[in-house]
Amino acid sequence: MQILFLILTIAACSALYLSHRHQCLLPRPLPLAACWLTYFVLQFSAFLIAASDWDWLTLIFAWLLISMFSFSLMPFVRLLRPDTKK
């Protein structure tokens, strides 16, 4: 369950990041409304999954920590791809 919580939280943050106009991973940003809906559904699902295993303080700390970590590292994912514009 913890791995599912981790995957859903990172996927939710990725969906929200890919809707921003300054993201560098896609040629165009994804539609904002669909990404916000996806973000909230995935975060709520992750929150419910983790609530079944952890107490509230651990849940909120892990949720905020993973969200902060994925939002801060998402812009650097582009550096892992090989440059195709040579």
PDB file of N, CA and C in Angstrom:
ATOM      1  N   MET A   1       0.805  -1.193   0.000  1.00  0.00           N
ATOM      2  CA  MET A   1       0.000   0.000   0.000  1.00  0.00           C
ATOM      3  C   MET A   1       0.851   1.262   0.000  1.00  0.00           C
ATOM      4  N   GLN A   2       2.013   1.180   0.633  1.00  0.00           N
ATOM      5  CA  GLN A   2       2.879   2.353   0.688  1.00  0.00           C
ATOM      6  C   GLN A   2       3.433   2.694  -0.687  1.00  0.00           C
ATOM      7  N   ILE A   3       3.730   1.677  -1.481  1.00  0.00           N
ATOM      8  CA  ILE A   3       4.235   1.917  -2.829  1.00  0.00           C
ATOM      9  C   ILE A   3       3.141   2.544  -3.691  1.00  0.00           C
ATOM     10  N   LEU A   4       1.917   2.079  -3.529  1.00  0.00           N
ATOM     11  CA  LEU A   4       0.795   2.656  -4.277  1.00  0.00           C
ATOM     12  C   LEU A   4       0.578   4.118  -3.891  1.00  0.00           C
ATOM     13  N   PHE A   5       0.713   4.418  -2.605  1.00  0.00           N
ATOM     14  CA  PHE A   5       0.623   5.801  -2.139  1.00  0.00           C
ATOM     15  C   PHE A   5       1.711   6.654  -2.788  1.00  0.00           C
ATOM     16  N   LEU A   6       2.911   6.144  -2.839  1.00  0.00           N
ATOM     17  CA  LEU A   6       4.032   6.864  -3.444  1.00  0.00           C
ATOM     18  C   LEU A   6       3.803   7.096  -4.938  1.00  0.00           C
ATOM     19  N   ILE A   7       3.384   6.077  -5.645  1.00  0.00           N
ATOM     20  CA  ILE A   7       3.154   6.182  -7.086  1.00  0.00           C
ATOM     21  C   ILE A   7       2.015   7.155  -7.401  1.00  0.00           C
ATOM     22  N   LEU A   8       0.922   7.073  -6.658  1.00  0.00           N
ATOM     23  CA  LEU A   8      -0.207   7.963  -6.912  1.00  0.00           C
ATOM     24  C   LEU A   8       0.129   9.419  -6.610  1.00  0.00           C
ATOM     25  N   THR A   9       0.891   9.651  -5.558  1.00  0.00           N
ATOM     26  CA  THR A   9       1.259  11.022  -5.216  1.00  0.00           C
ATOM     27  C   THR A   9       2.188  11.616  -6.260  1.00  0.00           C
ATOM     28  N   ILE A  10       3.161  10.853  -6.721  1.00  0.00           N
ATOM     29  CA  ILE A  10       4.083  11.343  -7.751  1.00  0.00           C
ATOM     30  C   ILE A  10       3.352  11.534  -9.076  1.00  0.00           C
ATOM     31  N   ALA A  11       2.432  10.638  -9.413  1.00  0.00           N
ATOM     32  CA  ALA A  11       1.651  10.793 -10.646  1.00  0.00           C
ATOM     33  C   ALA A  11       0.761  12.033 -10.584  1.00  0.00           C
ATOM     34  N   ALA A  12       0.193  12.316  -9.430  1.00  0.00           N
ATOM     35  CA  ALA A  12      -0.640  13.504  -9.281  1.00  0.00           C
ATOM     36  C   ALA A  12       0.192  14.770  -9.447  1.00  0.00           C
ATOM     37  N   CYS A  13       1.345  14.810  -8.838  1.00  0.00           N
ATOM     38  CA  CYS A  13       2.214  15.983  -8.969  1.00  0.00           C
ATOM     39  C   CYS A  13       2.719  16.135 -10.399  1.00  0.00           C
ATOM     40  N   SER A  14       2.968  15.030 -11.062  1.00  0.00           N
ATOM     41  CA  SER A  14       3.402  15.090 -12.461  1.00  0.00           C
ATOM     42  C   SER A  14       2.297  15.643 -13.353  1.00  0.00           C
ATOM     43  N   ALA A  15       1.070  15.235 -13.115  1.00  0.00           N
ATOM     44  CA  ALA A  15      -0.052  15.743 -13.910  1.00  0.00           C
ATOM     45  C   ALA A  15      -0.207  17.242 -13.731  1.00  0.00           C
ATOM     46  N   LEU A  16      -0.057  17.702 -12.512  1.00  0.00           N
ATOM     47  CA  LEU A  16      -0.185  19.135 -12.267  1.00  0.00           C
ATOM     48  C   LEU A  16       0.976  19.908 -12.879  1.00  0.00           C
ATOM     49  N   TYR A  17       2.186  19.349 -12.803  1.00  0.00           N
ATOM     50  CA  TYR A  17       3.345  20.014 -13.387  1.00  0.00           C
ATOM     51  C   TYR A  17       3.230  20.100 -14.909  1.00  0.00           C
ATOM     52  N   LEU A  18       2.732  19.051 -15.544  1.00  0.00           N
ATOM     53  CA  LEU A  18       2.635  19.032 -17.002  1.00  0.00           C
ATOM     54  C   LEU A  18       1.560  19.966 -17.546  1.00  0.00           C
ATOM     55  N   SER A  19       0.719  20.503 -16.687  1.00  0.00           N
ATOM     56  CA  SER A  19      -0.276  21.471 -17.140  1.00  0.00           C
ATOM     57  C   SER A  19       0.244  22.904 -17.080  1.00  0.00           C
ATOM     58  N   HIS A  20       1.400  23.109 -16.498  1.00  0.00           N
ATOM     59  CA  HIS A  20       1.946  24.456 -16.366  1.00  0.00           C
ATOM     60  C   HIS A  20       2.584  24.908 -17.672  1.00  0.00           C
ATOM     61  N   ARG A  21       2.493  26.184 -17.963  1.00  0.00           N
ATOM     62  CA  ARG A  21       3.012  26.677 -19.246  1.00  0.00           C
ATOM     63  C   ARG A  21       4.530  26.704 -19.299  1.00  0.00           C
ATOM     64  N   HIS A  22       5.224  26.630 -18.169  1.00  0.00           N
ATOM     65  CA  HIS A  22       6.681  26.667 -18.167  1.00  0.00           C
ATOM     66  C   HIS A  22       7.321  25.286 -18.072  1.00  0.00           C
ATOM     67  N   GLN A  23       6.540  24.233 -18.185  1.00  0.00           N
ATOM     68  CA  GLN A  23       7.116  22.894 -18.153  1.00  0.00           C
ATOM     69  C   GLN A  23       7.895  22.645 -19.440  1.00  0.00           C
ATOM     70  N   CYS A  24       8.945  21.847 -19.355  1.00  0.00           N
ATOM     71  CA  CYS A  24       9.836  21.627 -20.501  1.00  0.00           C
ATOM     72  C   CYS A  24       9.789  20.198 -21.037  1.00  0.00           C
ATOM     73  N   LEU A  25       8.929  19.362 -20.504  1.00  0.00           N
ATOM     74  CA  LEU A  25       8.925  17.961 -20.913  1.00  0.00           C
ATOM     75  C   LEU A  25       8.095  17.698 -22.164  1.00  0.00           C
ATOM     76  N   LEU A  26       7.032  18.433 -22.338  1.00  0.00           N
ATOM     77  CA  LEU A  26       6.147  18.259 -23.487  1.00  0.00           C
ATOM     78  C   LEU A  26       6.197  19.491 -24.374  1.00  0.00           C
ATOM     79  N   PRO A  27       5.918  19.344 -25.660  1.00  0.00           N
ATOM     80  CA  PRO A  27       5.922  20.522 -26.536  1.00  0.00           C
ATOM     81  C   PRO A  27       4.870  21.555 -26.144  1.00  0.00           C
ATOM     82  N   ARG A  28       3.706  21.092 -25.707  1.00  0.00           N
ATOM     83  CA  ARG A  28       2.638  21.990 -25.246  1.00  0.00           C
ATOM     84  C   ARG A  28       2.140  21.489 -23.900  1.00  0.00           C
ATOM     85  N   PRO A  29       1.700  22.387 -23.032  1.00  0.00           N
ATOM     86  CA  PRO A  29       1.148  21.928 -21.756  1.00  0.00           C
ATOM     87  C   PRO A  29      -0.170  21.182 -21.949  1.00  0.00           C
ATOM     88  N   LEU A  30      -0.456  20.320 -21.030  1.00  0.00           N
ATOM     89  CA  LEU A  30      -1.715  19.580 -21.054  1.00  0.00           C
ATOM     90  C   LEU A  30      -2.859  20.506 -20.656  1.00  0.00           C
ATOM     91  N   PRO A  31      -4.101  20.159 -20.990  1.00  0.00           N
ATOM     92  CA  PRO A  31      -5.239  21.006 -20.610  1.00  0.00           C
ATOM     93  C   PRO A  31      -5.337  21.154 -19.090  1.00  0.00           C
ATOM     94  N   LEU A  32      -5.527  22.372 -18.663  1.00  0.00           N
ATOM     95  CA  LEU A  32      -5.485  22.689 -17.240  1.00  0.00           C
ATOM     96  C   LEU A  32      -6.617  22.037 -16.455  1.00  0.00           C
ATOM     97  N   ALA A  33      -7.820  22.074 -16.965  1.00  0.00           N
ATOM     98  CA  ALA A  33      -8.972  21.536 -16.223  1.00  0.00           C
ATOM     99  C   ALA A  33      -8.845  20.031 -16.014  1.00  0.00           C
ATOM    100  N   ALA A  34      -8.432  19.323 -17.050  1.00  0.00           N
ATOM    101  CA  ALA A  34      -8.284  17.870 -16.930  1.00  0.00           C
ATOM    102  C   ALA A  34      -7.166  17.508 -15.961  1.00  0.00           C
ATOM    103  N   CYS A  35      -6.096  18.277 -15.977  1.00  0.00           N
ATOM    104  CA  CYS A  35      -4.975  17.988 -15.086  1.00  0.00           C
ATOM    105  C   CYS A  35      -5.311  18.294 -13.636  1.00  0.00           C
ATOM    106  N   TRP A  36      -6.075  19.351 -13.403  1.00  0.00           N
ATOM    107  CA  TRP A  36      -6.492  19.650 -12.036  1.00  0.00           C
ATOM    108  C   TRP A  36      -7.401  18.546 -11.500  1.00  0.00           C
ATOM    109  N   LEU A  37      -8.310  18.082 -12.341  1.00  0.00           N
ATOM    110  CA  LEU A  37      -9.191  17.004 -11.924  1.00  0.00           C
ATOM    111  C   LEU A  37      -8.392  15.732 -11.636  1.00  0.00           C
ATOM    112  N   THR A  38      -7.460  15.410 -12.516  1.00  0.00           N
ATOM    113  CA  THR A  38      -6.602  14.242 -12.314  1.00  0.00           C
ATOM    114  C   THR A  38      -5.785  14.384 -11.039  1.00  0.00           C
ATOM    115  N   TYR A  39      -5.248  15.577 -10.809  1.00  0.00           N
ATOM    116  CA  TYR A  39      -4.455  15.832  -9.610  1.00  0.00           C
ATOM    117  C   TYR A  39      -5.273  15.577  -8.345  1.00  0.00           C
ATOM    118  N   PHE A  40      -6.469  16.136  -8.286  1.00  0.00           N
ATOM    119  CA  PHE A  40      -7.272  15.983  -7.079  1.00  0.00           C
ATOM    120  C   PHE A  40      -7.747  14.551  -6.873  1.00  0.00           C
ATOM    121  N   VAL A  41      -8.099  13.872  -7.946  1.00  0.00           N
ATOM    122  CA  VAL A  41      -8.544  12.477  -7.823  1.00  0.00           C
ATOM    123  C   VAL A  41      -7.393  11.592  -7.355  1.00  0.00           C
ATOM    124  N   LEU A  42      -6.210  11.759  -7.946  1.00  0.00           N
ATOM    125  CA  LEU A  42      -5.066  10.937  -7.547  1.00  0.00           C
ATOM    126  C   LEU A  42      -4.596  11.257  -6.130  1.00  0.00           C
ATOM    127  N   GLN A  43      -4.570  12.527  -5.774  1.00  0.00           N
ATOM    128  CA  GLN A  43      -4.144  12.889  -4.416  1.00  0.00           C
ATOM    129  C   GLN A  43      -5.145  12.381  -3.383  1.00  0.00           C
ATOM    130  N   PHE A  44      -6.422  12.498  -3.670  1.00  0.00           N
ATOM    131  CA  PHE A  44      -7.437  12.009  -2.738  1.00  0.00           C
ATOM    132  C   PHE A  44      -7.357  10.488  -2.600  1.00  0.00           C
ATOM    133  N   SER A  45      -7.130   9.796  -3.715  1.00  0.00           N
ATOM    134  CA  SER A  45      -6.981   8.341  -3.658  1.00  0.00           C
ATOM    135  C   SER A  45      -5.754   7.943  -2.850  1.00  0.00           C
ATOM    136  N   ALA A  46      -4.645   8.623  -3.083  1.00  0.00           N
ATOM    137  CA  ALA A  46      -3.432   8.342  -2.328  1.00  0.00           C
ATOM    138  C   ALA A  46      -3.635   8.625  -0.841  1.00  0.00           C
ATOM    139  N   PHE A  47      -4.338   9.707  -0.551  1.00  0.00           N
ATOM    140  CA  PHE A  47      -4.610  10.070   0.832  1.00  0.00           C
ATOM    141  C   PHE A  47      -5.453   9.004   1.532  1.00  0.00           C
ATOM    142  N   LEU A  48      -6.477   8.487   0.842  1.00  0.00           N
ATOM    143  CA  LEU A  48      -7.324   7.449   1.433  1.00  0.00           C
ATOM    144  C   LEU A  48      -6.576   6.131   1.608  1.00  0.00           C
ATOM    145  N   ILE A  49      -5.740   5.800   0.646  1.00  0.00           N
ATOM    146  CA  ILE A  49      -4.961   4.559   0.741  1.00  0.00           C
ATOM    147  C   ILE A  49      -4.002   4.616   1.919  1.00  0.00           C
ATOM    148  N   ALA A  50      -3.327   5.750   2.069  1.00  0.00           N
ATOM    149  CA  ALA A  50      -2.381   5.873   3.167  1.00  0.00           C
ATOM    150  C   ALA A  50      -3.087   5.996   4.514  1.00  0.00           C
ATOM    151  N   ALA A  51      -4.284   6.534   4.532  1.00  0.00           N
ATOM    152  CA  ALA A  51      -5.027   6.673   5.783  1.00  0.00           C
ATOM    153  C   ALA A  51      -5.418   5.326   6.374  1.00  0.00           C
ATOM    154  N   SER A  52      -5.486   4.314   5.531  1.00  0.00           N
ATOM    155  CA  SER A  52      -5.834   2.993   6.050  1.00  0.00           C
ATOM    156  C   SER A  52      -4.662   2.340   6.789  1.00  0.00           C
ATOM    157  N   ASP A  53      -3.438   2.801   6.519  1.00  0.00           N
ATOM    158  CA  ASP A  53      -2.262   2.189   7.145  1.00  0.00           C
ATOM    159  C   ASP A  53      -1.612   3.052   8.226  1.00  0.00           C
ATOM    160  N   TRP A  54      -1.601   4.358   8.034  1.00  0.00           N
ATOM    161  CA  TRP A  54      -0.841   5.243   8.916  1.00  0.00           C
ATOM    162  C   TRP A  54      -1.748   6.095   9.778  1.00  0.00           C
ATOM    163  N   ASP A  55      -1.156   6.669  10.836  1.00  0.00           N
ATOM    164  CA  ASP A  55      -1.903   7.660  11.605  1.00  0.00           C
ATOM    165  C   ASP A  55      -1.831   9.004  10.866  1.00  0.00           C
ATOM    166  N   TRP A  56      -2.602   9.971  11.337  1.00  0.00           N
ATOM    167  CA  TRP A  56      -2.780  11.214  10.588  1.00  0.00           C
ATOM    168  C   TRP A  56      -1.510  12.044  10.491  1.00  0.00           C
ATOM    169  N   LEU A  57      -0.716  12.110  11.540  1.00  0.00           N
ATOM    170  CA  LEU A  57       0.491  12.916  11.488  1.00  0.00           C
ATOM    171  C   LEU A  57       1.495  12.359  10.487  1.00  0.00           C
ATOM    172  N   THR A  58       1.671  11.051  10.492  1.00  0.00           N
ATOM    173  CA  THR A  58       2.576  10.409   9.537  1.00  0.00           C
ATOM    174  C   THR A  58       2.077  10.584   8.117  1.00  0.00           C
ATOM    175  N   LEU A  59       0.787  10.458   7.941  1.00  0.00           N
ATOM    176  CA  LEU A  59       0.179  10.602   6.617  1.00  0.00           C
ATOM    177  C   LEU A  59       0.401  11.998   6.052  1.00  0.00           C
ATOM    178  N   ILE A  60       0.120  13.016   6.824  1.00  0.00           N
ATOM    179  CA  ILE A  60       0.273  14.387   6.339  1.00  0.00           C
ATOM    180  C   ILE A  60       1.738  14.713   6.091  1.00  0.00           C
ATOM    181  N   PHE A  61       2.626  14.262   6.977  1.00  0.00           N
ATOM    182  CA  PHE A  61       4.052  14.509   6.774  1.00  0.00           C
ATOM    183  C   PHE A  61       4.557  13.842   5.500  1.00  0.00           C
ATOM    184  N   ALA A  62       4.220  12.575   5.291  1.00  0.00           N
ATOM    185  CA  ALA A  62       4.678  11.859   4.096  1.00  0.00           C
ATOM    186  C   ALA A  62       4.076  12.464   2.833  1.00  0.00           C
ATOM    187  N   TRP A  63       2.805  12.830   2.876  1.00  0.00           N
ATOM    188  CA  TRP A  63       2.135  13.423   1.725  1.00  0.00           C
ATOM    189  C   TRP A  63       2.786  14.743   1.330  1.00  0.00           C
ATOM    190  N   LEU A  64       3.033  15.608   2.302  1.00  0.00           N
ATOM    191  CA  LEU A  64       3.679  16.889   2.010  1.00  0.00           C
ATOM    192  C   LEU A  64       5.118  16.712   1.558  1.00  0.00           C
ATOM    193  N   LEU A  65       5.840  15.791   2.182  1.00  0.00           N
ATOM    194  CA  LEU A  65       7.235  15.560   1.821  1.00  0.00           C
ATOM    195  C   LEU A  65       7.367  15.021   0.402  1.00  0.00           C
ATOM    196  N   ILE A  66       6.568  14.045   0.039  1.00  0.00           N
ATOM    197  CA  ILE A  66       6.637  13.473  -1.307  1.00  0.00           C
ATOM    198  C   ILE A  66       6.192  14.490  -2.350  1.00  0.00           C
ATOM    199  N   SER A  67       5.156  15.252  -2.050  1.00  0.00           N
ATOM    200  CA  SER A  67       4.701  16.283  -2.986  1.00  0.00           C
ATOM    201  C   SER A  67       5.776  17.346  -3.194  1.00  0.00           C
ATOM    202  N   MET A  68       6.378  17.804  -2.120  1.00  0.00           N
ATOM    203  CA  MET A  68       7.425  18.813  -2.222  1.00  0.00           C
ATOM    204  C   MET A  68       8.635  18.271  -2.986  1.00  0.00           C
ATOM    205  N   PHE A  69       9.011  17.045  -2.698  1.00  0.00           N
ATOM    206  CA  PHE A  69      10.151  16.435  -3.359  1.00  0.00           C
ATOM    207  C   PHE A  69       9.902  16.248  -4.859  1.00  0.00           C
ATOM    208  N   SER A  70       8.717  15.792  -5.225  1.00  0.00           N
ATOM    209  CA  SER A  70       8.450  15.574  -6.649  1.00  0.00           C
ATOM    210  C   SER A  70       8.291  16.895  -7.403  1.00  0.00           C
ATOM    211  N   PHE A  71       7.685  17.908  -6.783  1.00  0.00           N
ATOM    212  CA  PHE A  71       7.582  19.210  -7.447  1.00  0.00           C
ATOM    213  C   PHE A  71       8.946  19.866  -7.619  1.00  0.00           C
ATOM    214  N   SER A  72       9.845  19.667  -6.684  1.00  0.00           N
ATOM    215  CA  SER A  72      11.164  20.300  -6.818  1.00  0.00           C
ATOM    216  C   SER A  72      12.068  19.549  -7.784  1.00  0.00           C
ATOM    217  N   LEU A  73      11.861  18.261  -7.981  1.00  0.00           N
ATOM    218  CA  LEU A  73      12.705  17.502  -8.910  1.00  0.00           C
ATOM    219  C   LEU A  73      12.134  17.372 -10.311  1.00  0.00           C
ATOM    220  N   MET A  74      10.875  17.677 -10.496  1.00  0.00           N
ATOM    221  CA  MET A  74      10.238  17.518 -11.799  1.00  0.00           C
ATOM    222  C   MET A  74      10.918  18.327 -12.912  1.00  0.00           C
ATOM    223  N   PRO A  75      11.348  19.561 -12.691  1.00  0.00           N
ATOM    224  CA  PRO A  75      12.015  20.291 -13.784  1.00  0.00           C
ATOM    225  C   PRO A  75      13.331  19.656 -14.232  1.00  0.00           C
ATOM    226  N   PHE A  76      13.948  18.851 -13.377  1.00  0.00           N
ATOM    227  CA  PHE A  76      15.229  18.252 -13.718  1.00  0.00           C
ATOM    228  C   PHE A  76      15.099  16.916 -14.439  1.00  0.00           C
ATOM    229  N   VAL A  77      13.886  16.412 -14.596  1.00  0.00           N
ATOM    230  CA  VAL A  77      13.677  15.156 -15.320  1.00  0.00           C
ATOM    231  C   VAL A  77      14.089  15.317 -16.780  1.00  0.00           C
ATOM    232  N   ARG A  78      13.937  16.510 -17.288  1.00  0.00           N
ATOM    233  CA  ARG A  78      14.318  16.790 -18.673  1.00  0.00           C
ATOM    234  C   ARG A  78      15.805  16.529 -18.914  1.00  0.00           C
ATOM    235  N   LEU A  79      16.621  16.703 -17.912  1.00  0.00           N
ATOM    236  CA  LEU A  79      18.055  16.484 -18.057  1.00  0.00           C
ATOM    237  C   LEU A  79      18.422  15.002 -18.206  1.00  0.00           C
ATOM    238  N   LEU A  80      17.514  14.104 -17.894  1.00  0.00           N
ATOM    239  CA  LEU A  80      17.768  12.671 -18.031  1.00  0.00           C
ATOM    240  C   LEU A  80      17.592  12.181 -19.464  1.00  0.00           C
ATOM    241  N   ARG A  81      16.818  12.920 -20.265  1.00  0.00           N
ATOM    242  CA  ARG A  81      16.627  12.537 -21.665  1.00  0.00           C
ATOM    243  C   ARG A  81      17.820  12.964 -22.493  1.00  0.00           C
ATOM    244  N   PRO A  82      18.165  12.179 -23.483  1.00  0.00           N
ATOM    245  CA  PRO A  82      19.211  12.648 -24.401  1.00  0.00           C
ATOM    246  C   PRO A  82      18.714  13.798 -25.275  1.00  0.00           C
ATOM    247  N   ASP A  83      19.587  14.689 -25.598  1.00  0.00           N
ATOM    248  CA  ASP A  83      19.204  15.845 -26.407  1.00  0.00           C
ATOM    249  C   ASP A  83      19.016  15.402 -27.855  1.00  0.00           C
ATOM    250  N   THR A  84      17.839  15.676 -28.407  1.00  0.00           N
ATOM    251  CA  THR A  84      17.536  15.232 -29.757  1.00  0.00           C
ATOM    252  C   THR A  84      17.699  16.354 -30.788  1.00  0.00           C
ATOM    253  N   LYS A  85      18.092  17.540 -30.368  1.00  0.00           N
ATOM    254  CA  LYS A  85      18.215  18.667 -31.279  1.00  0.00           C
ATOM    255  C   LYS A  85      19.682  18.939 -31.644  1.00  0.00           C
ATOM    256  N   LYS A  86      20.438  17.926 -31.941  1.00  0.00           N
ATOM    257  CA  LYS A  86      21.854  18.117 -32.285  1.00  0.00           C
ATOM    258  C   LYS A  86      22.053  18.417 -33.735  1.00  0.00           C
TER     259      LYS A  86
END
